[in-house]
Amino acid sequence: MAVARQPPEHAEPLGPIPREFAAVMRPELPSLLKEMASEIVAAIPEYGQLLEGPNARVIRVGIEQNIATFVDQIAAPTATTSLRDDICRRFGRFEAYEGRSLDMLQAAYRIGCQVALRRVRTVGKRYNLSVTVMLAFADALFAYMGDIAELSREGYQQAMTELGEEPDNRRRRLLRRILTGSAVAHSSLNELAEHAGWPLPQVVTLVALRAGATPARAALDRDILVDFGDPEPHLLIPGPLDERRRDALGTALAGCRAALGLTTPLGEAADSLRWARHTLALAESGMIPDQPLTRSEDHLLPLWLLGDPGLVRQLADRYLAPLTSLTPAQRHRLIDTLRTWLTTRGTAAQMAEILGVHPQTVRYRMRLLDRAFGPQLTDPDGRFATEVALRALHLGQ
């Protein structure tokens, strides 16, 4: 029968370590933290991504809190450890959400413990500490490491219970790992894919769904990864997107608004999802035709031209500056004429038919444009940039 673990805040004092020893250790903590992080990353490269990613500050604060709590318990053995406990459980939960076992986290704890022991030996020589104190410190440190490892295990098990062990939950975690990008260690991804029973494909296509869309999972091919719990639901189609797969997808998503991203290598899956979401947003705003399943590959030019609205405005401000002093009506007429000329290179008569005006009116407007823009329309780069700005403005209207 298992014995319930005593909560750390009510644990026995760490041992016969003089409380003054905490004052000796505190100045060492900043450099000790750096040394621990460096050795952990060297031994576990995947953690290097975490210590440089968006959650780096939170993780470093958590490591620092673990170290500081140990020193605090030397100074005040009965001090609460509730913050430390919560952080350790969160570390365990994070490993579960990332689809890893606890092996890497426990290895990181062991490395941290070894670095701390090495530092204490150096400090012990500097202050001529007794062997008894050094041994007591080592015993207390190993006990402390066991405590934080157990707390992380509790968090891990709690998260695993919440996630469940159904294949869909494992595959959802796999999908989230894939979308973190090419920085994900391939070996770790392979392990998670094997655990989920899902062979890693060479290429994938992402599909973005309108918020709130919940197609029937059973209607989708079994090898499609889905995440309908995300605020922006999406799914991943493995392998080449052939006609059979596309038709089956259209049937499965009947009644749902969705956009199909471009097919990319597995490591660029996040790009496919980004393009799919942008395509869906353009369709919903009316900038491109809104269809039940809109394909990004059918709208590459709008995706490119409208990918950065702020930059489009800068481009228009620069290359359409010669028209700034005109009235809105004059500017509108000349922009229509210039866009028609750039896209058709037609005669005055041909352009007049498109614009619904007299050919003489077209000739008059073209003279105004020649005077306003000068060499910009004869220089290939300037002409191209002007056409890009006009097309983007036209799409955005």
Foldseek 3Di string as FASTA:
>chain_A
DDDDDDPQLPDDQLFPAALCVLVLCVVVLVVLLVVLVVVLCVVPVQVVCVCPDPCNVVVSVLVSLLVNVLSVCSNPVNDGCVVNLVSLLVLLLVCLLLQHDCVSVLVSLVSSLVSVLVVVVVSCVVVVPDPVNSVSVNSSSVVSSVVSSVSSVVSNVVNCVVLDLDLLSLLQSLVVLLLVFPSRDPVSSCVSCVSSVADAAFKKKKKWWDFPQDFDPVLADPNKRWDNVDRTTMIMGGDDCDPVNVVSVCVRLVPTAMEIFDMDTSRCRNVRVVLRVVQSVCCVVVLDPGDSYHYSVVPVLLCVLVVDVVVLVVLCCPLVVLCVPDDPVLSVVLLLLLLLCLVPVDQLVVSCVVVVHDSVVSVVSVVVVCVSRPCLCVDVVSVVSNNSSSVSVVSVD
